[in-house]
PDB file of all heavy atoms in Angstrom:
ATOM      1  N   THR A   1      14.029  -8.047 -11.811  1.00  0.00           N
ATOM      2  CA  THR A   1      14.283  -6.685 -12.397  1.00  0.00           C
ATOM      3  C   THR A   1      15.424  -6.740 -13.415  1.00  0.00           C
ATOM      4  O   THR A   1      15.666  -5.787 -14.123  1.00  0.00           O
ATOM      5  CB  THR A   1      14.747  -5.662 -11.335  1.00  0.00           C
ATOM      6  OG1 THR A   1      15.732  -6.197 -10.520  1.00  0.00           O
ATOM      7  CG2 THR A   1      13.458  -5.465 -10.361  1.00  0.00           C
ATOM      8  N   ARG A   2      16.118  -7.782 -13.559  1.00  0.00           N
ATOM      9  CA  ARG A   2      17.107  -7.998 -14.730  1.00  0.00           C
ATOM     10  C   ARG A   2      16.408  -7.982 -16.059  1.00  0.00           C
ATOM     11  O   ARG A   2      17.032  -7.718 -17.073  1.00  0.00           O
ATOM     12  CB  ARG A   2      18.016  -9.210 -14.469  1.00  0.00           C
ATOM     13  CG  ARG A   2      18.964  -8.965 -13.308  1.00  0.00           C
ATOM     14  CD  ARG A   2      19.675 -10.330 -13.041  1.00  0.00           C
ATOM     15  NE  ARG A   2      18.719 -11.463 -12.795  1.00  0.00           N
ATOM     16  CZ  ARG A   2      19.148 -12.772 -12.650  1.00  0.00           C
ATOM     17  NH1 ARG A   2      20.352 -13.023 -12.725  1.00  0.00           N
ATOM     18  NH2 ARG A   2      18.278 -13.604 -12.428  1.00  0.00           N
ATOM     19  N   PHE A   3      15.202  -8.330 -16.062  1.00  0.00           N
ATOM     20  CA  PHE A   3      14.405  -8.538 -17.301  1.00  0.00           C
ATOM     21  C   PHE A   3      13.701  -7.121 -17.533  1.00  0.00           C
ATOM     22  O   PHE A   3      13.482  -6.371 -16.504  1.00  0.00           O
ATOM     23  CB  PHE A   3      13.311  -9.531 -17.260  1.00  0.00           C
ATOM     24  CG  PHE A   3      13.944 -10.935 -17.310  1.00  0.00           C
ATOM     25  CD1 PHE A   3      14.510 -11.463 -16.108  1.00  0.00           C
ATOM     26  CD2 PHE A   3      13.977 -11.679 -18.462  1.00  0.00           C
ATOM     27  CE1 PHE A   3      15.050 -12.753 -16.180  1.00  0.00           C
ATOM     28  CE2 PHE A   3      14.571 -12.905 -18.508  1.00  0.00           C
ATOM     29  CZ  PHE A   3      15.081 -13.490 -17.356  1.00  0.00           C
ATOM     30  N   THR A   4      13.420  -6.739 -18.706  1.00  0.00           N
ATOM     31  CA  THR A   4      12.958  -5.396 -18.927  1.00  0.00           C
ATOM     32  C   THR A   4      11.512  -5.381 -19.454  1.00  0.00           C
ATOM     33  O   THR A   4      11.072  -4.495 -20.243  1.00  0.00           O
ATOM     34  CB  THR A   4      13.895  -4.692 -19.943  1.00  0.00           C
ATOM     35  OG1 THR A   4      14.030  -5.583 -21.204  1.00  0.00           O
ATOM     36  CG2 THR A   4      15.153  -4.456 -19.447  1.00  0.00           C
ATOM     37  N   TYR A   5      10.729  -6.339 -19.100  1.00  0.00           N
ATOM     38  CA  TYR A   5       9.242  -6.226 -19.204  1.00  0.00           C
ATOM     39  C   TYR A   5       8.750  -5.180 -18.285  1.00  0.00           C
ATOM     40  O   TYR A   5       9.082  -5.230 -17.061  1.00  0.00           O
ATOM     41  CB  TYR A   5       8.535  -7.561 -19.010  1.00  0.00           C
ATOM     42  CG  TYR A   5       8.683  -8.575 -20.059  1.00  0.00           C
ATOM     43  CD1 TYR A   5       9.654  -9.598 -19.901  1.00  0.00           C
ATOM     44  CD2 TYR A   5       7.920  -8.622 -21.165  1.00  0.00           C
ATOM     45  CE1 TYR A   5       9.916 -10.515 -20.980  1.00  0.00           C
ATOM     46  CE2 TYR A   5       8.046  -9.515 -22.187  1.00  0.00           C
ATOM     47  CZ  TYR A   5       9.053 -10.490 -22.041  1.00  0.00           C
ATOM     48  OH  TYR A   5       9.223 -11.413 -22.989  1.00  0.00           O
ATOM     49  N   LEU A   6       7.965  -4.228 -18.758  1.00  0.00           N
ATOM     50  CA  LEU A   6       7.405  -3.223 -17.878  1.00  0.00           C
ATOM     51  C   LEU A   6       5.904  -3.681 -17.643  1.00  0.00           C
ATOM     52  O   LEU A   6       5.109  -3.711 -18.601  1.00  0.00           O
ATOM     53  CB  LEU A   6       7.452  -1.828 -18.525  1.00  0.00           C
ATOM     54  CG  LEU A   6       8.866  -1.350 -18.894  1.00  0.00           C
ATOM     55  CD1 LEU A   6       8.830  -0.054 -19.629  1.00  0.00           C
ATOM     56  CD2 LEU A   6       9.749  -1.195 -17.642  1.00  0.00           C
ATOM     57  N   ASN A   7       5.513  -3.812 -16.399  1.00  0.00           N
ATOM     58  CA  ASN A   7       4.086  -4.125 -16.077  1.00  0.00           C
ATOM     59  C   ASN A   7       3.409  -2.959 -15.698  1.00  0.00           C
ATOM     60  O   ASN A   7       3.664  -2.351 -14.578  1.00  0.00           O
ATOM     61  CB  ASN A   7       4.184  -5.205 -14.870  1.00  0.00           C
ATOM     62  CG  ASN A   7       5.089  -6.462 -15.265  1.00  0.00           C
ATOM     63  OD1 ASN A   7       4.851  -6.978 -16.415  1.00  0.00           O
ATOM     64  ND2 ASN A   7       5.983  -6.738 -14.465  1.00  0.00           N
ATOM     65  N   LEU A   8       2.479  -2.556 -16.531  1.00  0.00           N
ATOM     66  CA  LEU A   8       1.839  -1.112 -16.381  1.00  0.00           C
ATOM     67  C   LEU A   8       0.383  -1.303 -16.280  1.00  0.00           C
ATOM     68  O   LEU A   8      -0.216  -1.986 -17.078  1.00  0.00           O
ATOM     69  CB  LEU A   8       2.317  -0.284 -17.481  1.00  0.00           C
ATOM     70  CG  LEU A   8       3.779  -0.134 -17.805  1.00  0.00           C
ATOM     71  CD1 LEU A   8       3.942   0.730 -19.170  1.00  0.00           C
ATOM     72  CD2 LEU A   8       4.531   0.510 -16.697  1.00  0.00           C
ATOM     73  N   ALA A   9      -0.203  -0.317 -15.436  1.00  0.00           N
ATOM     74  CA  ALA A   9      -1.705  -0.135 -15.465  1.00  0.00           C
ATOM     75  C   ALA A   9      -1.802   1.267 -16.067  1.00  0.00           C
ATOM     76  O   ALA A   9      -1.403   2.303 -15.461  1.00  0.00           O
ATOM     77  CB  ALA A   9      -2.312  -0.186 -14.048  1.00  0.00           C
ATOM     78  N   VAL A  10      -2.315   1.392 -17.266  1.00  0.00           N
ATOM     79  CA  VAL A  10      -2.281   2.610 -18.024  1.00  0.00           C
ATOM     80  C   VAL A  10      -3.636   3.361 -17.839  1.00  0.00           C
ATOM     81  O   VAL A  10      -4.724   2.755 -18.090  1.00  0.00           O
ATOM     82  CB  VAL A  10      -2.069   2.426 -19.519  1.00  0.00           C
ATOM     83  CG1 VAL A  10      -2.108   3.798 -20.210  1.00  0.00           C
ATOM     84  CG2 VAL A  10      -0.629   1.680 -19.672  1.00  0.00           C
ATOM     85  N   LEU A  11      -3.615   4.586 -17.391  1.00  0.00           N
ATOM     86  CA  LEU A  11      -4.798   5.412 -17.180  1.00  0.00           C
ATOM     87  C   LEU A  11      -5.511   5.649 -18.517  1.00  0.00           C
ATOM     88  O   LEU A  11      -4.926   6.047 -19.505  1.00  0.00           O
ATOM     89  CB  LEU A  11      -4.575   6.721 -16.421  1.00  0.00           C
ATOM     90  CG  LEU A  11      -5.669   7.544 -16.049  1.00  0.00           C
ATOM     91  CD1 LEU A  11      -6.628   6.873 -15.069  1.00  0.00           C
ATOM     92  CD2 LEU A  11      -5.179   8.809 -15.305  1.00  0.00           C
ATOM     93  N   ASP A  12      -6.889   5.452 -18.459  1.00  0.00           N
ATOM     94  CA  ASP A  12      -7.608   5.660 -19.747  1.00  0.00           C
ATOM     95  C   ASP A  12      -8.774   6.603 -19.637  1.00  0.00           C
ATOM     96  O   ASP A  12      -9.745   6.578 -20.342  1.00  0.00           O
ATOM     97  CB  ASP A  12      -8.193   4.214 -20.194  1.00  0.00           C
ATOM     98  CG  ASP A  12      -8.604   4.216 -21.577  1.00  0.00           C
ATOM     99  OD1 ASP A  12      -8.031   4.888 -22.413  1.00  0.00           O
ATOM    100  OD2 ASP A  12      -9.487   3.460 -21.934  1.00  0.00           O
ATOM    101  N   ALA A  13      -8.789   7.521 -18.542  1.00  0.00           N
ATOM    102  CA  ALA A  13      -9.867   8.367 -18.285  1.00  0.00           C
ATOM    103  C   ALA A  13      -9.264   9.634 -17.703  1.00  0.00           C
ATOM    104  O   ALA A  13      -8.275   9.588 -16.932  1.00  0.00           O
ATOM    105  CB  ALA A  13     -10.910   7.777 -17.416  1.00  0.00           C
ATOM    106  N   GLU A  14      -9.989  10.766 -17.937  1.00  0.00           N
ATOM    107  CA  GLU A  14      -9.335  12.073 -17.513  1.00  0.00           C
ATOM    108  C   GLU A  14      -9.938  12.357 -16.075  1.00  0.00           C
ATOM    109  O   GLU A  14     -11.144  12.251 -15.872  1.00  0.00           O
ATOM    110  CB  GLU A  14      -9.845  13.200 -18.388  1.00  0.00           C
ATOM    111  CG  GLU A  14      -9.262  14.545 -17.964  1.00  0.00           C
ATOM    112  CD  GLU A  14      -9.563  15.558 -19.037  1.00  0.00           C
ATOM    113  OE1 GLU A  14     -10.162  15.327 -19.999  1.00  0.00           O
ATOM    114  OE2 GLU A  14      -9.003  16.769 -18.841  1.00  0.00           O
ATOM    115  N   PRO A  15      -9.127  12.696 -15.129  1.00  0.00           N
ATOM    116  CA  PRO A  15      -9.642  12.986 -13.698  1.00  0.00           C
ATOM    117  C   PRO A  15     -10.015  14.378 -13.562  1.00  0.00           C
ATOM    118  O   PRO A  15      -9.619  15.259 -14.337  1.00  0.00           O
ATOM    119  CB  PRO A  15      -8.378  12.706 -12.865  1.00  0.00           C
ATOM    120  CG  PRO A  15      -7.187  13.026 -13.800  1.00  0.00           C
ATOM    121  CD  PRO A  15      -7.647  12.707 -15.118  1.00  0.00           C
ATOM    122  N   ILE A  16     -10.940  14.662 -12.601  1.00  0.00           N
ATOM    123  CA  ILE A  16     -11.264  15.965 -12.232  1.00  0.00           C
ATOM    124  C   ILE A  16     -10.337  16.604 -11.317  1.00  0.00           C
ATOM    125  O   ILE A  16     -10.237  17.789 -11.137  1.00  0.00           O
ATOM    126  CB  ILE A  16     -12.714  16.082 -11.695  1.00  0.00           C
ATOM    127  CG1 ILE A  16     -12.893  15.226 -10.518  1.00  0.00           C
ATOM    128  CG2 ILE A  16     -13.782  15.609 -12.735  1.00  0.00           C
ATOM    129  CD1 ILE A  16     -14.257  15.518  -9.718  1.00  0.00           C
ATOM    130  N   THR A  17      -9.689  15.790 -10.574  1.00  0.00           N
ATOM    131  CA  THR A  17      -8.686  16.174  -9.547  1.00  0.00           C
ATOM    132  C   THR A  17      -7.498  16.570 -10.190  1.00  0.00           C
ATOM    133  O   THR A  17      -7.037  16.114 -11.289  1.00  0.00           O
ATOM    134  CB  THR A  17      -8.385  15.130  -8.514  1.00  0.00           C
ATOM    135  OG1 THR A  17      -7.512  15.650  -7.474  1.00  0.00           O
ATOM    136  CG2 THR A  17      -7.755  13.859  -9.208  1.00  0.00           C
ATOM    137  N   SER A  18      -6.733  17.623  -9.586  1.00  0.00           N
ATOM    138  CA  SER A  18      -5.390  18.058 -10.254  1.00  0.00           C
ATOM    139  C   SER A  18      -4.206  17.340  -9.616  1.00  0.00           C
ATOM    140  O   SER A  18      -3.196  17.180 -10.286  1.00  0.00           O
ATOM    141  CB  SER A  18      -5.229  19.604  -9.999  1.00  0.00           C
ATOM    142  OG  SER A  18      -5.290  19.898  -8.637  1.00  0.00           O
ATOM    143  N   ALA A  19      -4.423  16.804  -8.374  1.00  0.00           N
ATOM    144  CA  ALA A  19      -3.378  16.148  -7.704  1.00  0.00           C
ATOM    145  C   ALA A  19      -3.853  14.980  -6.798  1.00  0.00           C
ATOM    146  O   ALA A  19      -4.835  15.155  -6.165  1.00  0.00           O
ATOM    147  CB  ALA A  19      -2.527  17.098  -6.774  1.00  0.00           C
ATOM    148  N   THR A  20      -3.266  13.860  -6.950  1.00  0.00           N
ATOM    149  CA  THR A  20      -3.636  12.695  -6.181  1.00  0.00           C
ATOM    150  C   THR A  20      -2.575  11.683  -6.076  1.00  0.00           C
ATOM    151  O   THR A  20      -1.505  11.819  -6.682  1.00  0.00           O
ATOM    152  CB  THR A  20      -4.889  12.091  -6.892  1.00  0.00           C
ATOM    153  OG1 THR A  20      -5.555  11.148  -5.983  1.00  0.00           O
ATOM    154  CG2 THR A  20      -4.538  11.237  -8.132  1.00  0.00           C
ATOM    155  N   GLN A  21      -2.805  10.688  -5.280  1.00  0.00           N
ATOM    156  CA  GLN A  21      -1.958   9.483  -5.179  1.00  0.00           C
ATOM    157  C   GLN A  21      -2.747   8.350  -5.468  1.00  0.00           C
ATOM    158  O   GLN A  21      -3.994   8.302  -5.227  1.00  0.00           O
ATOM    159  CB  GLN A  21      -1.341   9.402  -3.777  1.00  0.00           C
ATOM    160  CG  GLN A  21      -0.328  10.444  -3.379  1.00  0.00           C
ATOM    161  CD  GLN A  21       0.108  10.345  -1.998  1.00  0.00           C
ATOM    162  OE1 GLN A  21      -0.611  10.943  -1.144  1.00  0.00           O
ATOM    163  NE2 GLN A  21       1.231   9.701  -1.713  1.00  0.00           N
ATOM    164  N   PHE A  22      -2.224   7.266  -6.041  1.00  0.00           N
ATOM    165  CA  PHE A  22      -2.863   6.040  -6.306  1.00  0.00           C
ATOM    166  C   PHE A  22      -2.411   4.874  -5.397  1.00  0.00           C
ATOM    167  O   PHE A  22      -1.267   4.892  -4.947  1.00  0.00           O
ATOM    168  CB  PHE A  22      -2.751   5.612  -7.772  1.00  0.00           C
ATOM    169  CG  PHE A  22      -3.403   6.480  -8.765  1.00  0.00           C
ATOM    170  CD1 PHE A  22      -2.664   7.459  -9.458  1.00  0.00           C
ATOM    171  CD2 PHE A  22      -4.755   6.362  -8.982  1.00  0.00           C
ATOM    172  CE1 PHE A  22      -3.363   8.282 -10.372  1.00  0.00           C
ATOM    173  CE2 PHE A  22      -5.449   7.229  -9.837  1.00  0.00           C
ATOM    174  CZ  PHE A  22      -4.681   8.217 -10.539  1.00  0.00           C
ATOM    175  N   ILE A  23      -3.376   4.009  -5.069  1.00  0.00           N
ATOM    176  CA  ILE A  23      -3.094   2.854  -4.055  1.00  0.00           C
ATOM    177  C   ILE A  23      -3.482   1.641  -4.870  1.00  0.00           C
ATOM    178  O   ILE A  23      -4.609   1.594  -5.513  1.00  0.00           O
ATOM    179  CB  ILE A  23      -3.963   3.082  -2.890  1.00  0.00           C
ATOM    180  CG1 ILE A  23      -3.709   4.390  -2.100  1.00  0.00           C
ATOM    181  CG2 ILE A  23      -3.757   1.770  -1.996  1.00  0.00           C
ATOM    182  CD1 ILE A  23      -4.718   4.682  -1.056  1.00  0.00           C
ATOM    183  N   LEU A  24      -2.599   0.632  -4.790  1.00  0.00           N
ATOM    184  CA  LEU A  24      -3.001  -0.676  -5.311  1.00  0.00           C
ATOM    185  C   LEU A  24      -2.986  -1.660  -4.152  1.00  0.00           C
ATOM    186  O   LEU A  24      -2.030  -1.699  -3.402  1.00  0.00           O
ATOM    187  CB  LEU A  24      -1.935  -1.176  -6.334  1.00  0.00           C
ATOM    188  CG  LEU A  24      -2.179  -2.585  -6.940  1.00  0.00           C
ATOM    189  CD1 LEU A  24      -3.562  -2.784  -7.538  1.00  0.00           C
ATOM    190  CD2 LEU A  24      -1.009  -2.890  -7.900  1.00  0.00           C
ATOM    191  N   ARG A  25      -4.121  -2.367  -3.938  1.00  0.00           N
ATOM    192  CA  ARG A  25      -4.155  -3.241  -2.838  1.00  0.00           C
ATOM    193  C   ARG A  25      -4.592  -4.673  -3.347  1.00  0.00           C
ATOM    194  O   ARG A  25      -5.594  -4.819  -3.978  1.00  0.00           O
ATOM    195  CB  ARG A  25      -5.260  -2.776  -1.834  1.00  0.00           C
ATOM    196  CG  ARG A  25      -5.386  -3.558  -0.555  1.00  0.00           C
ATOM    197  CD  ARG A  25      -6.399  -2.969   0.366  1.00  0.00           C
ATOM    198  NE  ARG A  25      -6.025  -1.652   0.793  1.00  0.00           N
ATOM    199  CZ  ARG A  25      -6.827  -0.576   0.726  1.00  0.00           C
ATOM    200  NH1 ARG A  25      -8.085  -0.734   0.422  1.00  0.00           N
ATOM    201  NH2 ARG A  25      -6.449   0.603   1.190  1.00  0.00           N
ATOM    202  N   LEU A  26      -3.761  -5.613  -2.899  1.00  0.00           N
ATOM    203  CA  LEU A  26      -4.056  -7.048  -3.171  1.00  0.00           C
ATOM    204  C   LEU A  26      -4.429  -7.790  -1.957  1.00  0.00           C
ATOM    205  O   LEU A  26      -3.763  -7.693  -0.886  1.00  0.00           O
ATOM    206  CB  LEU A  26      -2.806  -7.691  -3.929  1.00  0.00           C
ATOM    207  CG  LEU A  26      -2.175  -6.964  -5.106  1.00  0.00           C
ATOM    208  CD1 LEU A  26      -1.022  -7.846  -5.625  1.00  0.00           C
ATOM    209  CD2 LEU A  26      -3.283  -6.844  -6.276  1.00  0.00           C
ATOM    210  N   THR A  27      -5.448  -8.637  -2.003  1.00  0.00           N
ATOM    211  CA  THR A  27      -5.888  -9.515  -0.891  1.00  0.00           C
ATOM    212  C   THR A  27      -5.752 -10.967  -1.405  1.00  0.00           C
ATOM    213  O   THR A  27      -6.267 -11.255  -2.494  1.00  0.00           O
ATOM    214  CB  THR A  27      -7.228  -9.185  -0.497  1.00  0.00           C
ATOM    215  OG1 THR A  27      -7.393  -7.813  -0.040  1.00  0.00           O
ATOM    216  CG2 THR A  27      -7.584  -9.981   0.766  1.00  0.00           C
ATOM    217  N   PHE A  28      -5.151 -11.833  -0.558  1.00  0.00           N
ATOM    218  CA  PHE A  28      -4.836 -13.191  -1.020  1.00  0.00           C
ATOM    219  C   PHE A  28      -5.791 -14.147  -0.229  1.00  0.00           C
ATOM    220  O   PHE A  28      -6.393 -13.824   0.773  1.00  0.00           O
ATOM    221  CB  PHE A  28      -3.418 -13.552  -0.677  1.00  0.00           C
ATOM    222  CG  PHE A  28      -2.418 -12.687  -1.571  1.00  0.00           C
ATOM    223  CD1 PHE A  28      -2.071 -11.424  -1.143  1.00  0.00           C
ATOM    224  CD2 PHE A  28      -1.809 -13.274  -2.734  1.00  0.00           C
ATOM    225  CE1 PHE A  28      -1.167 -10.686  -1.965  1.00  0.00           C
ATOM    226  CE2 PHE A  28      -0.869 -12.437  -3.454  1.00  0.00           C
ATOM    227  CZ  PHE A  28      -0.529 -11.256  -3.037  1.00  0.00           C
ATOM    228  N   GLU A  29      -5.820 -15.390  -0.698  1.00  0.00           N
ATOM    229  CA  GLU A  29      -6.780 -16.353  -0.256  1.00  0.00           C
ATOM    230  C   GLU A  29      -6.460 -16.661   1.207  1.00  0.00           C
ATOM    231  O   GLU A  29      -7.366 -17.148   1.906  1.00  0.00           O
ATOM    232  CB  GLU A  29      -6.818 -17.580  -1.084  1.00  0.00           C
ATOM    233  CG  GLU A  29      -5.459 -18.336  -1.317  1.00  0.00           C
ATOM    234  CD  GLU A  29      -5.584 -19.463  -2.258  1.00  0.00           C
ATOM    235  OE1 GLU A  29      -6.649 -19.600  -2.896  1.00  0.00           O
ATOM    236  OE2 GLU A  29      -4.453 -20.073  -2.511  1.00  0.00           O
ATOM    237  N   ASN A  30      -5.248 -16.528   1.632  1.00  0.00           N
ATOM    238  CA  ASN A  30      -4.844 -16.857   3.127  1.00  0.00           C
ATOM    239  C   ASN A  30      -5.064 -15.672   3.932  1.00  0.00           C
ATOM    240  O   ASN A  30      -4.598 -15.712   5.114  1.00  0.00           O
ATOM    241  CB  ASN A  30      -3.487 -17.439   3.163  1.00  0.00           C
ATOM    242  CG  ASN A  30      -2.385 -16.361   2.895  1.00  0.00           C
ATOM    243  OD1 ASN A  30      -2.633 -15.265   2.487  1.00  0.00           O
ATOM    244  ND2 ASN A  30      -1.188 -16.706   3.185  1.00  0.00           N
ATOM    245  N   GLY A  31      -5.541 -14.515   3.444  1.00  0.00           N
ATOM    246  CA  GLY A  31      -5.762 -13.328   4.192  1.00  0.00           C
ATOM    247  C   GLY A  31      -4.640 -12.266   4.080  1.00  0.00           C
ATOM    248  O   GLY A  31      -4.781 -11.224   4.615  1.00  0.00           O
ATOM    249  N   GLN A  32      -3.547 -12.693   3.508  1.00  0.00           N
ATOM    250  CA  GLN A  32      -2.371 -11.789   3.281  1.00  0.00           C
ATOM    251  C   GLN A  32      -2.880 -10.553   2.429  1.00  0.00           C
ATOM    252  O   GLN A  32      -3.598 -10.629   1.428  1.00  0.00           O
ATOM    253  CB  GLN A  32      -1.303 -12.436   2.616  1.00  0.00           C
ATOM    254  CG  GLN A  32      -0.030 -11.489   2.200  1.00  0.00           C
ATOM    255  CD  GLN A  32       0.887 -12.150   1.269  1.00  0.00           C
ATOM    256  OE1 GLN A  32       0.681 -13.210   0.749  1.00  0.00           O
ATOM    257  NE2 GLN A  32       2.013 -11.503   0.972  1.00  0.00           N
ATOM    258  N   VAL A  33      -2.358  -9.300   2.828  1.00  0.00           N
ATOM    259  CA  VAL A  33      -2.724  -8.118   1.954  1.00  0.00           C
ATOM    260  C   VAL A  33      -1.373  -7.497   1.599  1.00  0.00           C
ATOM    261  O   VAL A  33      -0.479  -7.352   2.503  1.00  0.00           O
ATOM    262  CB  VAL A  33      -3.553  -7.220   2.853  1.00  0.00           C
ATOM    263  CG1 VAL A  33      -3.726  -5.805   2.102  1.00  0.00           C
ATOM    264  CG2 VAL A  33      -4.876  -7.769   3.202  1.00  0.00           C
ATOM    265  N   LEU A  34      -1.196  -7.118   0.337  1.00  0.00           N
ATOM    266  CA  LEU A  34      -0.174  -6.303  -0.024  1.00  0.00           C
ATOM    267  C   LEU A  34      -0.665  -5.012  -0.660  1.00  0.00           C
ATOM    268  O   LEU A  34      -1.672  -4.909  -1.369  1.00  0.00           O
ATOM    269  CB  LEU A  34       0.666  -6.982  -1.223  1.00  0.00           C
ATOM    270  CG  LEU A  34       1.536  -8.072  -0.853  1.00  0.00           C
ATOM    271  CD1 LEU A  34       2.185  -8.724  -2.097  1.00  0.00           C
ATOM    272  CD2 LEU A  34       2.571  -7.783   0.101  1.00  0.00           C
ATOM    273  N   SER A  35      -0.132  -3.903  -0.173  1.00  0.00           N
ATOM    274  CA  SER A  35      -0.614  -2.581  -0.561  1.00  0.00           C
ATOM    275  C   SER A  35       0.538  -1.609  -0.750  1.00  0.00           C
ATOM    276  O   SER A  35       1.537  -1.659   0.024  1.00  0.00           O
ATOM    277  CB  SER A  35      -1.622  -2.046   0.388  1.00  0.00           C
ATOM    278  OG  SER A  35      -2.069  -0.717   0.083  1.00  0.00           O
ATOM    279  N   ASP A  36       0.424  -0.750  -1.662  1.00  0.00           N
ATOM    280  CA  ASP A  36       1.487   0.361  -1.829  1.00  0.00           C
ATOM    281  C   ASP A  36       0.811   1.530  -2.380  1.00  0.00           C
ATOM    282  O   ASP A  36      -0.268   1.466  -3.029  1.00  0.00           O
ATOM    283  CB  ASP A  36       2.579  -0.160  -2.713  1.00  0.00           C
ATOM    284  CG  ASP A  36       3.891   0.831  -2.577  1.00  0.00           C
ATOM    285  OD1 ASP A  36       4.014   1.312  -1.477  1.00  0.00           O
ATOM    286  OD2 ASP A  36       4.585   0.928  -3.535  1.00  0.00           O
ATOM    287  N   THR A  37       1.397   2.700  -2.248  1.00  0.00           N
ATOM    288  CA  THR A  37       0.813   4.018  -2.701  1.00  0.00           C
ATOM    289  C   THR A  37       1.906   4.756  -3.485  1.00  0.00           C
ATOM    290  O   THR A  37       3.088   4.802  -3.083  1.00  0.00           O
ATOM    291  CB  THR A  37       0.454   4.888  -1.532  1.00  0.00           C
ATOM    292  OG1 THR A  37      -0.526   4.098  -0.629  1.00  0.00           O
ATOM    293  CG2 THR A  37      -0.168   6.189  -1.854  1.00  0.00           C
ATOM    294  N   THR A  38       1.509   5.346  -4.575  1.00  0.00           N
ATOM    295  CA  THR A  38       2.426   6.095  -5.392  1.00  0.00           C
ATOM    296  C   THR A  38       2.699   7.429  -4.656  1.00  0.00           C
ATOM    297  O   THR A  38       2.057   7.812  -3.729  1.00  0.00           O
ATOM    298  CB  THR A  38       1.758   6.500  -6.802  1.00  0.00           C
ATOM    299  OG1 THR A  38       0.663   7.318  -6.655  1.00  0.00           O
ATOM    300  CG2 THR A  38       1.253   5.117  -7.458  1.00  0.00           C
ATOM    301  N   GLU A  39       3.750   8.102  -5.163  1.00  0.00           N
ATOM    302  CA  GLU A  39       3.935   9.418  -4.793  1.00  0.00           C
ATOM    303  C   GLU A  39       2.845  10.297  -5.536  1.00  0.00           C
ATOM    304  O   GLU A  39       2.145   9.841  -6.333  1.00  0.00           O
ATOM    305  CB  GLU A  39       5.358   9.928  -5.274  1.00  0.00           C
ATOM    306  CG  GLU A  39       6.491   9.153  -4.644  1.00  0.00           C
ATOM    307  CD  GLU A  39       7.842   9.525  -5.174  1.00  0.00           C
ATOM    308  OE1 GLU A  39       7.885  10.053  -6.419  1.00  0.00           O
ATOM    309  OE2 GLU A  39       8.791   9.487  -4.536  1.00  0.00           O
TER     310      GLU A  39
END
C-alpha cells in the first residue's frame, strides 16, 4: 500500500437495482477461497 497503483474493476453497465453490495470471490488450485463484500 505504500505504492499508489489503484487496482480497479470499473462498472460498465447500468443496473436496474437501486441498492446492492458486490462480492468478489477467488478460488485457488489448492482449494483456498478468498472472498470479500463491499459496503
